[in-house]
Amino acid sequence: MNPTITWFLIGASYVFLMQCGFAVLEAGLTRVKNTGNILMKNLMDFCIGTVVFVLLGAGLLMGEDALAGLVGVPNLDIFTNLNDVETARNFVFNLMFAATAATIVSGAVAERTKFSAYCIYSAIISLVIYPIEAHWVWGGGWLTTALPVAFHDYAGSAAIHMVGGTTALIGAIFLGPRIGKYRKLPDGKIKSTAILGHNLTFTALGVFLLWFGWYGFNGAAATSDAELAHIFVTTTIAPAVGACATMAFTWIKNGKPDVSMTMNGALAGLVGVTAGCAVVDVIGAAAIGIVSGIIVVIAVETIDLKLHIDDPVGAVAVHCVNGIWGTFAVGLFATGVDYGGGTADGTAAGLFYGGGGGLLLSQIIGIAAILAWTVGTMTLTFYLIKKFNGLRVSREDEIKGLDITEHGLPTAYAGFSTSIEDLYDGIDGDAITGDAPVDKAVPVVEEKTVKIASDTAAAKISKLEIVCKESKFEALKAAMNKIDVSGMTVTRVLGCGVQKGKTEKYRGAEVELSLLPKIQVEIVVSKVPVRAVIAAAKKALYTGHIGDGKIFVYDVENVVRVRTGEEGYDALQDQPAT
C-alpha cells in the first residue's frame, strides 16, 4: 500500500464530510420551513456533480492542453480508466472539490430558488465551470506554465472558494432578496430587516465539521509528513485568529460579540489560508486570519446594508471576498521556504519576504482570469435558466416554504415547530384570489369604528381568537392596525386535519393527517366593535381556499392592568410610554 495515495484518499473523505458541514450550517442560518429543501440541495450537489464530472468534467480537468492551456482537450477515456490508481485518486479528489464549489452557492440563494433551477446550475458548475479553471491551476494549464512566476493556489482559495462565492453573488443578484428582507422607508431609504436562522446549534456544528474537513481539504495533496504537519498548523492558526478578530471587531463595533458572525470569521480564516497553507509561516497565517476576520464583517454588512443583496448565510463574504484575499495574500506572505522536503511547491517568495512583486503579479492575473471566466459563464447560465426554466418560486410558495411546495414535505421536524421566527415581516396584505365561487363566498362588509358610550364602566369586553395561515399574518396585522387594534398575542400552532383534494406523501406513503403550521392570534377589545374586528379579519384572510381560518368570539368578565391597577375598559386603552 502506498502511504501517500492512502492519505490522499483519506483526505478526500474529509472533504466529503464538508458536504454535511455545509448542509447543517445553511439549515441553521435559515428558517424551519426550508430545512428539507436545503438538505436536499446539499445532497444533490454531490450526487449530480458526480454524474456530470464522470461524463465530462474530469476529462476537461485532466485532459491534454490546447490553445495554450486555456481549454484542455477533454480526455473522454476517464470513465474507462478509473481502474488505474492514479486516475482514480485524482478523479475522487477533484470530484470532492467540484462538489464543494457547487455547494457554496446554496446558502446565498436559499429560501427562494426553484429546486429545478438549482439542480441545473449546480450541474453546470461541476460539468464545465470548475473543470476548466481548475485545469488552468492544477492540470498543467497556462496559469502555472505560461507566466514568468507560476500562479500559486495550493488548495483552492481562488479555484474553489472564489468561484463558488462569485457564483453565489451572481445568483443572489439574479434572484433578488427574500420577501420581507428589505423595506422602502418614507424618506426613500431602504432598510434591511434581519431574518433570523432557526437553529444556531446547527450552525455551530456545521462550522466544526467544515473546520475538521478542511484539514483534508488543505492537506490531502501533501507529499511528505513535514509538509502535512505544516499545513495542519497554518490551517489551525488562520481560522482561530480569524474568529478572534471577528469577535473583537464586532464587540468593539456593536457593543457585544456577534455569535454567528464569529463563526463566519473562523470560516473566513480557513478560506483565506487555503491558497497559501503550504507556503506561508505561522506569522503569515495569523496575518491572513486577522484580515479575513475583519473583512468578512465589512463585506457582509456592505453586501446587505449598502448593496441590498440578500445572502442568508454570508457565502459571498466568506468565500468570494476571502477567496480573493487569500489568493492575493500568497503574493505577500509566501516565504520561499520549502516545507515539503524537496517538492517544488511554494519556492517563490512573496513581496514581504524579499521575493519582489513577481508572484504578487501572477496572483493578480490568476484572480482576474478566474473571475472573468466565472462571471461570464455563470451570468449566461443564470440568464438562460431564468429565461427558459425560471429561477425563483412564486410569492405564495416562498411564503409557505420550499419544503412543502417544492418537495411535498409537510415539515422537516416530524410535525414539531421550534420557533416563532417565521412570521414573515414585510409581507404586504395583497389578497390572493381563491377558487371558491364568488356567489358562495360570505360577503365582507367593512364596519367603522364607533365611539364607546360615556359610561365606560359598563362597556362590553370581548376576546377574539383568530386561527389563520402563517402566510396571512402580516395582512391580518395590517388590517388590525387600520381599525386601531393595538394589542395582540401571537402563538405559532399546528393544525391537524385532512385537506380534500390534496394528497401528500412521505417515503411513498400517503399522509392521512396533515399537521400544518398556523398562527393563533388573541385580541381583546372594548372600544373597537367586535363586528369591525371580524369584518377586517375576514377581508384580510379570505382566499377562497380550504384552510383560510376561523374566528372565535368570547365574553370577557374583566381586564386588569397590572402596572396601574386599572380595570375594565380603562385597562385596554393605550398609554404613553414612561
Protein backbone atom coordinates (compact mmCIF):
# COMPACT_ATOMS: atom_id res chain seq x y z
CA MET A 1 0.00 0.00 0.00
CA ASN A 2 1.29 3.42 -0.94
CA PRO A 3 1.02 5.71 2.15
CA THR A 4 0.86 8.86 0.00
CA ILE A 5 -2.10 7.59 -2.01
CA THR A 6 -3.75 6.27 1.15
CA TRP A 7 -3.56 9.66 2.88
CA PHE A 8 -4.66 11.39 -0.33
CA LEU A 9 -7.88 9.37 -0.37
CA ILE A 10 -8.43 9.73 3.38
CA GLY A 11 -8.05 13.48 2.94
CA ALA A 12 -10.61 13.36 0.14
CA SER A 13 -13.04 11.66 2.52
CA TYR A 14 -12.52 14.57 4.95
CA VAL A 15 -13.59 16.88 2.14
CA PHE A 16 -16.71 14.78 1.57
CA LEU A 17 -17.65 15.34 5.23
CA MET A 18 -17.68 19.07 4.46
CA GLN A 19 -20.89 18.47 2.47
CA CYS A 20 -22.53 17.63 5.79
CA GLY A 21 -20.98 20.74 7.32
CA PHE A 22 -22.36 23.00 4.61
CA ALA A 23 -25.81 21.36 4.92
CA VAL A 24 -26.27 21.88 8.66
CA LEU A 25 -24.61 25.31 8.62
CA GLU A 26 -27.02 26.56 5.95
CA ALA A 27 -30.03 24.90 7.55
CA GLY A 28 -29.24 26.56 10.87
CA LEU A 29 -28.94 30.03 9.36
CA THR A 30 -32.26 29.79 7.52
CA ARG A 31 -35.86 29.13 8.51
CA VAL A 32 -37.61 25.96 9.58
CA LYS A 33 -39.90 25.86 6.56
CA ASN A 34 -36.95 25.42 4.15
CA THR A 35 -34.81 22.90 6.04
CA GLY A 36 -35.71 19.88 3.93
CA ASN A 37 -35.07 21.82 0.71
CA ILE A 38 -31.64 22.85 1.94
CA LEU A 39 -30.66 19.32 2.92
CA MET A 40 -31.85 18.07 -0.46
CA LYS A 41 -29.78 20.68 -2.33
CA ASN A 42 -26.60 19.79 -0.49
CA LEU A 43 -27.13 16.09 -1.13
CA MET A 44 -27.80 16.60 -4.82
CA ASP A 45 -24.81 18.92 -5.28
CA PHE A 46 -22.61 15.92 -4.74
CA CYS A 47 -24.79 13.32 -6.49
CA ILE A 48 -25.47 15.37 -9.62
CA GLY A 49 -21.86 16.58 -9.55
CA THR A 50 -20.60 13.01 -9.60
CA VAL A 51 -22.64 12.16 -12.69
CA VAL A 52 -21.59 15.18 -14.75
CA PHE A 53 -17.98 15.03 -13.54
CA VAL A 54 -17.73 11.46 -14.79
CA LEU A 55 -19.32 12.37 -18.11
CA LEU A 56 -17.21 15.41 -18.96
CA GLY A 57 -15.86 17.44 -16.04
CA ALA A 58 -12.98 15.15 -15.12
CA GLY A 59 -11.99 14.83 -18.77
CA LEU A 60 -11.75 18.60 -19.12
CA LEU A 61 -9.73 18.99 -15.96
CA MET A 62 -7.35 16.11 -16.59
CA GLY A 63 -7.18 16.37 -20.38
CA GLU A 64 -4.40 17.49 -22.69
CA ASP A 65 -3.50 21.17 -23.14
CA ALA A 66 -4.88 23.01 -26.12
CA LEU A 67 -4.99 26.69 -27.12
CA ALA A 68 -2.09 27.39 -24.72
CA GLY A 69 -3.96 25.59 -21.97
CA LEU A 70 -6.96 27.94 -21.97
CA VAL A 71 -9.15 24.93 -22.64
CA GLY A 72 -7.95 21.40 -22.23
CA VAL A 73 -8.85 18.84 -24.89
CA PRO A 74 -11.08 16.57 -22.82
CA ASN A 75 -9.90 13.09 -22.06
CA LEU A 76 -13.05 11.12 -22.80
CA ASP A 77 -11.48 7.89 -21.60
CA ILE A 78 -11.59 8.91 -17.93
CA PHE A 79 -14.54 6.65 -17.19
CA THR A 80 -12.83 3.58 -18.61
CA ASN A 81 -9.52 4.47 -16.92
CA LEU A 82 -10.88 4.71 -13.38
CA ASN A 83 -9.38 1.34 -12.51
CA ASP A 84 -5.96 2.98 -12.78
CA VAL A 85 -4.89 4.07 -9.29
CA GLU A 86 -3.54 7.50 -10.28
CA THR A 87 -6.59 8.30 -12.40
CA ALA A 88 -8.92 7.10 -9.66
CA ARG A 89 -7.31 9.15 -6.89
CA ASN A 90 -7.25 12.32 -8.97
CA PHE A 91 -10.84 11.77 -10.03
CA VAL A 92 -12.11 11.26 -6.48
CA PHE A 93 -10.18 14.19 -5.05
CA ASN A 94 -11.19 16.67 -7.75
CA LEU A 95 -14.78 15.46 -7.57
CA MET A 96 -14.86 16.48 -3.90
CA PHE A 97 -13.53 19.91 -4.82
CA ALA A 98 -16.04 20.35 -7.65
CA ALA A 99 -18.92 19.45 -5.33
CA THR A 100 -17.64 21.94 -2.76
CA ALA A 101 -17.59 24.76 -5.31
CA ALA A 102 -21.21 23.95 -6.18
CA THR A 103 -22.35 23.67 -2.56
CA ILE A 104 -21.00 27.12 -1.64
CA VAL A 105 -23.70 28.66 -3.85
CA SER A 106 -26.58 27.08 -1.96
CA GLY A 107 -26.56 29.36 1.08
CA ALA A 108 -26.64 32.63 -0.84
CA VAL A 109 -29.70 31.62 -2.90
CA ALA A 110 -31.53 29.84 -0.09
CA GLU A 111 -35.26 30.09 0.62
CA ARG A 112 -36.45 31.33 -2.79
CA THR A 113 -34.86 29.24 -5.56
CA LYS A 114 -36.67 26.67 -7.67
CA PHE A 115 -35.20 23.25 -6.99
CA SER A 116 -35.10 22.50 -10.71
CA ALA A 117 -33.11 25.68 -11.36
CA TYR A 118 -30.72 24.81 -8.54
CA CYS A 119 -30.06 21.36 -9.99
CA ILE A 120 -29.28 22.85 -13.41
CA TYR A 121 -26.68 25.39 -12.35
CA SER A 122 -25.18 23.01 -9.79
CA ALA A 123 -24.61 20.59 -12.67
CA ILE A 124 -23.05 23.32 -14.84
CA ILE A 125 -20.50 24.15 -12.14
CA SER A 126 -19.23 20.55 -11.93
CA LEU A 127 -19.59 19.97 -15.66
CA VAL A 128 -17.57 22.87 -17.09
CA ILE A 129 -17.05 25.86 -14.75
CA TYR A 130 -14.81 24.23 -12.17
CA PRO A 131 -13.03 21.75 -14.50
CA ILE A 132 -11.75 24.37 -16.95
CA GLU A 133 -10.41 26.88 -14.43
CA ALA A 134 -9.06 24.07 -12.24
CA HIS A 135 -7.19 22.81 -15.31
CA TRP A 136 -5.52 26.22 -15.55
CA VAL A 137 -4.40 25.94 -11.92
CA TRP A 138 -3.71 22.23 -11.32
CA GLY A 139 -3.95 20.47 -14.67
CA GLY A 140 -0.89 21.96 -16.36
CA GLY A 141 -2.77 24.95 -17.77
CA TRP A 142 -1.48 28.38 -18.62
CA LEU A 143 -1.57 29.90 -15.12
CA THR A 144 1.21 27.58 -13.98
CA THR A 145 3.14 27.25 -17.25
CA ALA A 146 2.85 30.50 -19.22
CA LEU A 147 3.55 33.15 -16.57
CA PRO A 148 7.11 34.22 -15.59
CA VAL A 149 6.31 33.24 -11.99
CA ALA A 150 3.79 30.43 -11.60
CA PHE A 151 0.41 31.29 -10.11
CA HIS A 152 0.02 29.56 -6.74
CA ASP A 153 -3.25 28.31 -5.27
CA TYR A 154 -2.35 25.25 -3.24
CA ALA A 155 -5.84 24.08 -2.26
CA GLY A 156 -8.33 26.41 -3.89
CA SER A 157 -8.91 29.86 -2.37
CA ALA A 158 -9.46 31.05 -5.95
CA ALA A 159 -10.17 27.85 -7.89
CA ILE A 160 -12.89 26.70 -5.50
CA HIS A 161 -13.95 29.31 -2.95
CA MET A 162 -13.75 32.40 -5.11
CA VAL A 163 -15.54 30.55 -7.91
CA GLY A 164 -18.30 29.33 -5.59
CA GLY A 165 -18.63 32.70 -3.88
CA THR A 166 -18.72 34.61 -7.17
CA THR A 167 -21.41 32.28 -8.49
CA ALA A 168 -23.31 32.81 -5.24
CA LEU A 169 -23.17 36.58 -5.76
CA ILE A 170 -24.43 36.34 -9.33
CA GLY A 171 -27.22 34.00 -8.29
CA ALA A 172 -28.32 36.24 -5.43
CA ILE A 173 -28.43 39.25 -7.78
CA PHE A 174 -30.50 37.40 -10.38
CA LEU A 175 -32.94 36.08 -7.76
CA GLY A 176 -33.44 39.24 -5.76
CA PRO A 177 -34.00 39.34 -1.99
CA ARG A 178 -36.34 37.17 0.04
CA ILE A 179 -39.79 38.57 0.75
CA GLY A 180 -39.58 40.95 3.68
CA LYS A 181 -35.79 41.29 3.67
CA TYR A 182 -35.77 44.93 2.53
CA ARG A 183 -38.30 47.71 3.08
CA LYS A 184 -38.52 51.12 1.48
CA LEU A 185 -38.96 53.82 4.08
CA PRO A 186 -40.99 57.04 3.57
CA ASP A 187 -37.78 59.00 3.03
CA GLY A 188 -36.84 56.73 0.14
CA LYS A 189 -34.11 54.85 2.00
CA ILE A 190 -34.06 51.06 2.02
CA LYS A 191 -33.96 49.27 5.36
CA SER A 192 -32.60 45.75 5.78
CA THR A 193 -34.68 43.52 8.04
CA ALA A 194 -32.98 40.67 9.89
CA ILE A 195 -34.44 37.27 9.09
CA LEU A 196 -33.15 35.03 11.84
CA GLY A 197 -31.95 31.49 11.31
CA HIS A 198 -33.83 28.89 13.27
CA ASN A 199 -31.05 26.82 14.83
CA LEU A 200 -27.69 28.25 15.86
CA THR A 201 -26.65 24.85 17.20
CA PHE A 202 -26.81 23.50 13.65
CA THR A 203 -24.69 26.43 12.51
CA ALA A 204 -22.01 25.76 15.12
CA LEU A 205 -21.99 22.05 14.25
CA GLY A 206 -21.55 22.98 10.60
CA VAL A 207 -18.57 25.19 11.39
CA PHE A 208 -16.85 22.43 13.37
CA LEU A 209 -17.50 19.86 10.64
CA LEU A 210 -16.17 22.21 7.99
CA TRP A 211 -13.06 23.01 10.03
CA PHE A 212 -12.38 19.31 10.53
CA GLY A 213 -12.89 18.61 6.83
CA TRP A 214 -10.58 21.49 5.94
CA TYR A 215 -7.58 19.54 7.25
CA GLY A 216 -8.19 17.15 4.36
CA PHE A 217 -9.17 19.95 2.00
CA ASN A 218 -5.81 21.67 2.50
CA GLY A 219 -3.67 18.73 3.48
CA ALA A 220 -4.64 15.84 1.23
CA ALA A 221 -2.18 16.83 -1.52
CA ALA A 222 0.79 16.95 0.89
CA THR A 223 3.72 14.84 -0.35
CA SER A 224 5.61 14.47 2.93
CA ASP A 225 4.97 14.32 6.66
CA ALA A 226 6.76 17.66 7.10
CA GLU A 227 4.55 19.39 4.57
CA LEU A 228 1.40 17.84 6.04
CA ALA A 229 2.33 18.93 9.56
CA HIS A 230 2.99 22.47 8.36
CA ILE A 231 -0.35 22.61 6.55
CA PHE A 232 -2.17 21.43 9.68
CA VAL A 233 -0.52 24.22 11.67
CA THR A 234 -1.46 27.01 9.25
CA THR A 235 -4.95 25.54 8.81
CA THR A 236 -5.38 25.80 12.58
CA ILE A 237 -3.82 29.20 13.18
CA ALA A 238 -5.67 31.21 10.49
CA PRO A 239 -9.27 30.27 11.42
CA ALA A 240 -8.61 30.58 15.14
CA VAL A 241 -7.14 34.05 14.71
CA GLY A 242 -9.91 34.91 12.23
CA ALA A 243 -12.61 34.03 14.74
CA CYS A 244 -10.87 36.07 17.44
CA ALA A 245 -10.56 39.04 15.08
CA THR A 246 -14.25 38.87 14.18
CA MET A 247 -15.29 38.53 17.80
CA ALA A 248 -13.18 41.54 18.83
CA PHE A 249 -14.26 43.63 15.84
CA THR A 250 -17.99 43.03 16.37
CA TRP A 251 -17.61 43.52 20.12
CA ILE A 252 -16.00 46.93 19.64
CA LYS A 253 -18.30 47.90 16.79
CA ASN A 254 -21.65 46.73 18.20
CA GLY A 255 -21.04 46.57 21.94
CA LYS A 256 -21.49 42.79 22.01
CA PRO A 257 -19.64 39.91 20.32
CA ASP A 258 -21.71 38.55 17.43
CA VAL A 259 -22.15 34.77 17.64
CA SER A 260 -22.99 33.81 14.06
CA MET A 261 -20.59 36.37 12.60
CA THR A 262 -17.75 34.98 14.73
CA MET A 263 -18.48 31.57 13.25
CA ASN A 264 -18.20 33.15 9.81
CA GLY A 265 -14.89 34.63 10.94
CA ALA A 266 -13.47 31.15 11.50
CA LEU A 267 -14.62 30.07 8.05
CA ALA A 268 -13.19 33.25 6.53
CA GLY A 269 -9.81 32.42 8.04
CA LEU A 270 -9.97 28.93 6.58
CA VAL A 271 -10.81 30.26 3.11
CA GLY A 272 -8.08 32.88 3.39
CA VAL A 273 -5.28 30.45 4.22
CA THR A 274 -6.30 27.77 1.71
CA ALA A 275 -4.24 29.15 -1.18
CA GLY A 276 -1.07 29.59 0.86
CA CYS A 277 -1.40 26.90 3.52
CA ALA A 278 1.79 25.12 2.36
CA VAL A 279 3.92 28.20 1.70
CA VAL A 280 3.21 30.72 4.49
CA ASP A 281 4.62 30.59 8.01
CA VAL A 282 2.77 30.99 11.29
CA ILE A 283 3.08 34.78 11.21
CA GLY A 284 1.71 34.88 7.68
CA ALA A 285 -1.15 32.54 8.61
CA ALA A 286 -2.02 34.75 11.60
CA ALA A 287 -1.93 37.91 9.46
CA ILE A 288 -4.18 36.29 6.87
CA GLY A 289 -6.58 35.24 9.65
CA ILE A 290 -6.74 38.74 11.18
CA VAL A 291 -7.56 40.39 7.86
CA SER A 292 -10.05 37.64 6.97
CA GLY A 293 -11.87 38.02 10.28
CA ILE A 294 -12.30 41.75 9.81
CA ILE A 295 -13.14 41.94 6.12
CA VAL A 296 -15.79 39.23 6.41
CA VAL A 297 -17.77 41.54 8.73
CA ILE A 298 -17.28 44.55 6.47
CA ALA A 299 -18.23 42.51 3.41
CA VAL A 300 -21.37 41.01 4.97
CA GLU A 301 -22.62 44.43 6.06
CA THR A 302 -21.70 46.10 2.77
CA ILE A 303 -23.43 43.44 0.69
CA ASP A 304 -26.54 43.58 2.87
CA LEU A 305 -26.86 47.18 4.07
CA LYS A 306 -25.32 49.06 1.14
CA LEU A 307 -25.77 46.89 -1.94
CA HIS A 308 -29.04 45.30 -0.72
CA ILE A 309 -28.08 41.84 -1.97
CA ASP A 310 -29.69 39.13 0.14
CA ASP A 311 -27.21 36.41 1.14
CA PRO A 312 -28.74 34.50 4.09
CA VAL A 313 -25.52 32.78 5.20
CA GLY A 314 -22.80 35.23 4.17
CA ALA A 315 -21.42 32.94 1.45
CA VAL A 316 -20.27 35.80 -0.76
CA ALA A 317 -18.32 37.48 2.04
CA VAL A 318 -16.77 34.24 3.33
CA HIS A 319 -15.90 32.56 0.05
CA CYS A 320 -15.68 35.19 -2.70
CA VAL A 321 -14.18 38.10 -0.78
CA ASN A 322 -11.84 35.98 1.33
CA GLY A 323 -11.03 33.72 -1.61
CA ILE A 324 -9.72 36.81 -3.41
CA TRP A 325 -7.90 37.99 -0.29
CA GLY A 326 -6.31 34.60 0.40
CA THR A 327 -5.06 34.22 -3.17
CA PHE A 328 -3.69 37.76 -3.15
CA ALA A 329 -2.05 37.15 0.25
CA VAL A 330 0.17 34.41 -1.20
CA GLY A 331 1.92 37.13 -3.19
CA LEU A 332 2.60 38.94 0.10
CA PHE A 333 3.36 36.20 2.64
CA ALA A 334 4.86 33.25 0.72
CA THR A 335 8.16 32.57 2.48
CA GLY A 336 10.04 30.87 -0.36
CA VAL A 337 10.91 28.11 2.12
CA ASP A 338 10.38 24.52 1.06
CA TYR A 339 8.30 22.91 3.81
CA GLY A 340 7.76 19.77 1.82
CA GLY A 341 11.19 18.19 1.97
CA GLY A 342 12.20 18.72 -1.65
CA THR A 343 8.98 19.40 -3.57
CA ALA A 344 8.76 22.34 -5.96
CA ASP A 345 5.66 23.87 -4.35
CA GLY A 346 5.99 27.35 -2.94
CA THR A 347 9.62 28.05 -3.82
CA ALA A 348 8.82 31.63 -4.96
CA ALA A 349 8.81 34.20 -2.15
CA GLY A 350 6.21 36.92 -1.72
CA LEU A 351 6.62 40.67 -1.50
CA PHE A 352 7.04 40.79 2.29
CA TYR A 353 9.67 38.03 2.24
CA GLY A 354 12.07 39.52 -0.28
CA GLY A 355 10.69 37.94 -3.44
CA GLY A 356 9.70 41.15 -5.16
CA GLY A 357 6.41 41.63 -6.97
CA GLY A 358 6.61 38.77 -9.49
CA LEU A 359 4.50 36.30 -7.53
CA LEU A 360 2.05 39.03 -6.49
CA LEU A 361 1.53 39.99 -10.15
CA SER A 362 0.88 36.36 -11.08
CA GLN A 363 -1.66 36.08 -8.27
CA ILE A 364 -3.48 39.17 -9.53
CA ILE A 365 -3.53 37.81 -13.08
CA GLY A 366 -4.87 34.48 -11.84
CA ILE A 367 -7.58 36.12 -9.78
CA ALA A 368 -8.67 38.29 -12.71
CA ALA A 369 -8.70 35.37 -15.17
CA ILE A 370 -10.70 33.03 -12.94
CA LEU A 371 -13.13 35.83 -12.04
CA ALA A 372 -13.64 36.71 -15.71
CA TRP A 373 -14.31 33.07 -16.60
CA THR A 374 -16.74 32.59 -13.72
CA VAL A 375 -18.62 35.87 -14.13
CA GLY A 376 -19.02 35.42 -17.87
CA THR A 377 -20.15 31.80 -17.88
CA MET A 378 -22.34 31.94 -14.78
CA THR A 379 -24.06 35.17 -15.80
CA LEU A 380 -25.00 33.50 -19.07
CA THR A 381 -26.05 30.35 -17.22
CA PHE A 382 -28.37 32.19 -14.82
CA TYR A 383 -29.80 34.28 -17.64
CA LEU A 384 -30.69 31.20 -19.68
CA ILE A 385 -32.15 29.36 -16.68
CA LYS A 386 -34.26 32.37 -15.79
CA LYS A 387 -35.50 32.72 -19.37
CA PHE A 388 -36.32 29.09 -20.12
CA ASN A 389 -36.91 27.44 -16.73
CA GLY A 390 -37.36 30.18 -14.19
CA LEU A 391 -35.15 30.78 -11.16
CA ARG A 392 -37.48 31.79 -8.38
CA VAL A 393 -40.50 30.16 -6.81
CA SER A 394 -43.79 32.04 -6.67
CA ARG A 395 -44.53 34.52 -3.92
CA GLU A 396 -47.07 32.22 -2.30
CA ASP A 397 -44.71 29.23 -2.43
CA GLU A 398 -41.90 31.25 -0.86
CA ILE A 399 -44.15 32.31 1.99
CA LYS A 400 -45.35 28.75 2.61
CA GLY A 401 -41.81 27.42 2.48
CA LEU A 402 -39.94 25.31 -0.04
CA ASP A 403 -40.23 22.09 1.96
CA ILE A 404 -43.94 21.77 1.28
CA THR A 405 -44.12 23.48 -2.11
CA GLU A 406 -41.02 22.05 -3.79
CA HIS A 407 -40.86 18.61 -2.15
CA GLY A 408 -44.27 17.88 -0.64
CA LEU A 409 -42.65 17.67 2.80
CA PRO A 410 -45.03 18.99 5.48
CA THR A 411 -42.14 19.64 7.87
CA ALA A 412 -38.52 18.58 8.32
CA TYR A 413 -39.12 18.23 12.07
CA ALA A 414 -41.72 15.46 12.22
CA GLY A 415 -44.57 17.85 12.91
CA PHE A 416 -42.93 19.90 15.63
CA SER A 417 -42.19 23.61 15.26
CA THR A 418 -39.15 25.02 17.02
CA SER A 419 -39.58 28.80 16.94
CA ILE A 420 -41.83 31.68 16.00
CA GLU A 421 -39.31 33.39 13.76
CA ASP A 422 -41.27 32.65 10.59
CA LEU A 423 -43.87 35.40 10.92
CA TYR A 424 -42.64 36.92 7.66
CA ASP A 425 -42.05 40.57 8.41
CA GLY A 426 -42.50 42.72 5.34
CA ILE A 427 -45.19 40.68 3.59
CA ASP A 428 -47.84 43.05 2.35
CA GLY A 429 -51.55 42.49 2.54
CA ASP A 430 -52.31 41.84 -1.11
CA ALA A 431 -55.21 39.44 -1.39
CA ILE A 432 -54.74 36.06 -3.05
CA THR A 433 -57.68 35.14 -5.25
CA GLY A 434 -59.11 31.78 -4.29
CA ASP A 435 -61.05 29.13 -6.13
CA ALA A 436 -64.35 29.38 -4.22
CA PRO A 437 -67.17 30.77 -6.38
CA VAL A 438 -67.85 34.40 -5.57
CA ASP A 439 -71.58 33.83 -5.20
CA LYS A 440 -70.90 31.24 -2.48
CA ALA A 441 -68.40 33.32 -0.56
CA VAL A 442 -69.66 35.15 2.53
CA PRO A 443 -69.90 38.89 1.76
CA VAL A 444 -67.40 41.02 3.63
CA VAL A 445 -68.67 44.40 4.78
CA GLU A 446 -66.39 46.93 6.44
CA GLU A 447 -67.65 48.39 9.71
CA LYS A 448 -66.47 51.73 11.02
CA THR A 449 -65.02 52.19 14.48
CA VAL A 450 -67.53 53.87 16.77
CA LYS A 451 -67.01 55.76 19.99
CA ILE A 452 -67.78 53.92 23.20
CA ALA A 453 -70.55 55.16 25.43
CA SER A 454 -69.62 57.63 28.12
CA ASP A 455 -70.32 55.01 30.79
CA THR A 456 -67.06 53.12 30.28
CA ALA A 457 -67.57 51.06 33.39
CA ALA A 458 -70.43 49.27 31.63
CA ALA A 459 -68.57 48.79 28.32
CA LYS A 460 -68.62 45.26 26.99
CA ILE A 461 -65.25 43.48 26.73
CA SER A 462 -64.76 40.72 24.16
CA LYS A 463 -61.96 38.36 23.24
CA LEU A 464 -61.44 37.18 19.68
CA GLU A 465 -59.28 34.16 18.88
CA ILE A 466 -58.23 34.01 15.22
CA VAL A 467 -56.56 30.93 13.71
CA CYS A 468 -55.13 31.55 10.24
CA LYS A 469 -52.42 30.65 7.76
CA GLU A 470 -48.90 31.82 8.54
CA SER A 471 -48.72 33.49 5.16
CA LYS A 472 -51.63 35.76 6.09
CA PHE A 473 -50.33 37.02 9.43
CA GLU A 474 -48.86 40.25 8.10
CA ALA A 475 -52.07 41.05 6.22
CA LEU A 476 -54.07 40.42 9.41
CA LYS A 477 -51.72 42.59 11.47
CA ALA A 478 -52.03 45.46 8.99
CA ALA A 479 -55.83 45.13 8.99
CA MET A 480 -55.99 45.27 12.78
CA ASN A 481 -53.74 48.31 12.85
CA LYS A 482 -56.12 50.15 10.45
CA ILE A 483 -59.04 49.76 12.86
CA ASP A 484 -56.94 50.79 15.88
CA VAL A 485 -56.45 47.36 17.43
CA SER A 486 -53.09 47.90 19.04
CA GLY A 487 -52.52 44.77 21.11
CA MET A 488 -52.47 41.11 20.20
CA THR A 489 -50.95 37.89 21.47
CA VAL A 490 -49.49 35.65 18.77
CA THR A 491 -48.78 31.92 19.07
CA ARG A 492 -47.46 29.53 16.48
CA VAL A 493 -49.53 26.34 16.47
CA LEU A 494 -50.12 23.25 14.36
CA GLY A 495 -53.49 22.46 12.83
CA CYS A 496 -54.40 18.80 12.37
CA GLY A 497 -56.80 17.83 9.60
CA VAL A 498 -57.29 16.49 6.11
CA GLN A 499 -57.45 18.84 3.14
CA LYS A 500 -59.77 17.43 0.49
CA GLY A 501 -58.31 17.06 -2.96
CA LYS A 502 -54.74 17.40 -1.69
CA THR A 503 -52.58 14.34 -1.08
CA GLU A 504 -49.12 14.47 0.48
CA LYS A 505 -46.73 11.54 0.58
CA TYR A 506 -43.74 10.69 2.73
CA ARG A 507 -41.40 7.92 1.54
CA GLY A 508 -44.08 6.87 -0.91
CA ALA A 509 -46.83 6.51 1.72
CA GLU A 510 -49.86 8.77 1.75
CA VAL A 511 -50.07 11.21 4.65
CA GLU A 512 -53.56 10.85 6.09
CA LEU A 513 -53.47 13.70 8.60
CA SER A 514 -51.71 16.92 7.76
CA LEU A 515 -50.02 18.83 10.56
CA LEU A 516 -49.90 22.31 9.11
CA PRO A 517 -48.32 25.37 10.72
CA LYS A 518 -50.87 28.00 11.74
CA ILE A 519 -50.90 31.31 13.60
CA GLN A 520 -53.23 31.81 16.58
CA VAL A 521 -53.91 35.47 17.36
CA GLU A 522 -55.72 36.58 20.51
CA ILE A 523 -57.25 40.07 20.67
CA VAL A 524 -59.25 41.67 23.50
CA VAL A 525 -61.34 44.71 22.56
CA SER A 526 -63.89 47.08 24.03
CA LYS A 527 -63.60 50.42 22.25
CA VAL A 528 -63.31 48.73 18.85
CA PRO A 529 -66.51 46.88 17.93
CA VAL A 530 -66.28 43.12 17.67
CA ARG A 531 -68.02 43.19 14.29
CA ALA A 532 -65.38 45.60 12.97
CA VAL A 533 -62.61 43.19 14.01
CA ILE A 534 -64.43 40.24 12.42
CA ALA A 535 -65.04 42.12 9.16
CA ALA A 536 -61.44 43.31 8.91
CA ALA A 537 -60.09 39.84 9.71
CA LYS A 538 -62.34 38.15 7.14
CA LYS A 539 -61.27 40.59 4.46
CA ALA A 540 -57.58 40.12 5.25
CA LEU A 541 -57.68 36.32 5.50
CA TYR A 542 -60.08 35.33 2.72
CA THR A 543 -58.62 33.49 -0.30
CA GLY A 544 -61.44 31.05 -1.02
CA HIS A 545 -59.20 28.07 -0.38
CA ILE A 546 -59.67 25.46 2.32
CA GLY A 547 -57.79 26.45 5.46
CA ASP A 548 -58.42 30.21 5.43
CA GLY A 549 -59.01 30.03 9.18
CA LYS A 550 -61.61 30.52 11.88
CA ILE A 551 -62.58 33.29 14.30
CA PHE A 552 -63.85 32.53 17.82
CA VAL A 553 -65.53 35.19 19.98
CA TYR A 554 -65.78 35.09 23.81
CA ASP A 555 -67.15 37.36 26.52
CA VAL A 556 -64.55 38.68 28.96
CA GLU A 557 -65.58 39.34 32.56
CA ASN A 558 -62.81 41.81 33.40
CA VAL A 559 -59.34 43.07 32.46
CA VAL A 560 -56.76 44.35 34.97
CA ARG A 561 -53.66 46.37 34.06
CA VAL A 562 -51.00 45.14 36.48
CA ARG A 563 -48.85 48.30 36.47
CA THR A 564 -51.61 50.81 37.28
CA GLY A 565 -54.40 48.71 38.73
CA GLU A 566 -56.88 49.98 36.13
CA GLU A 567 -59.72 47.63 35.32
CA GLY A 568 -62.24 47.05 32.56
CA TYR A 569 -62.40 49.48 29.65
CA ASP A 570 -59.66 51.73 31.05
CA ALA A 571 -57.19 48.84 31.28
CA LEU A 572 -57.42 48.27 27.50
CA GLN A 573 -56.59 51.82 26.45
CA ASP A 574 -53.11 52.72 25.19
CA GLN A 575 -50.97 54.82 27.50
CA PRO A 576 -47.87 56.91 26.74
CA ALA A 577 -44.62 55.10 27.49
CA THR A 578 -42.98 56.20 30.73
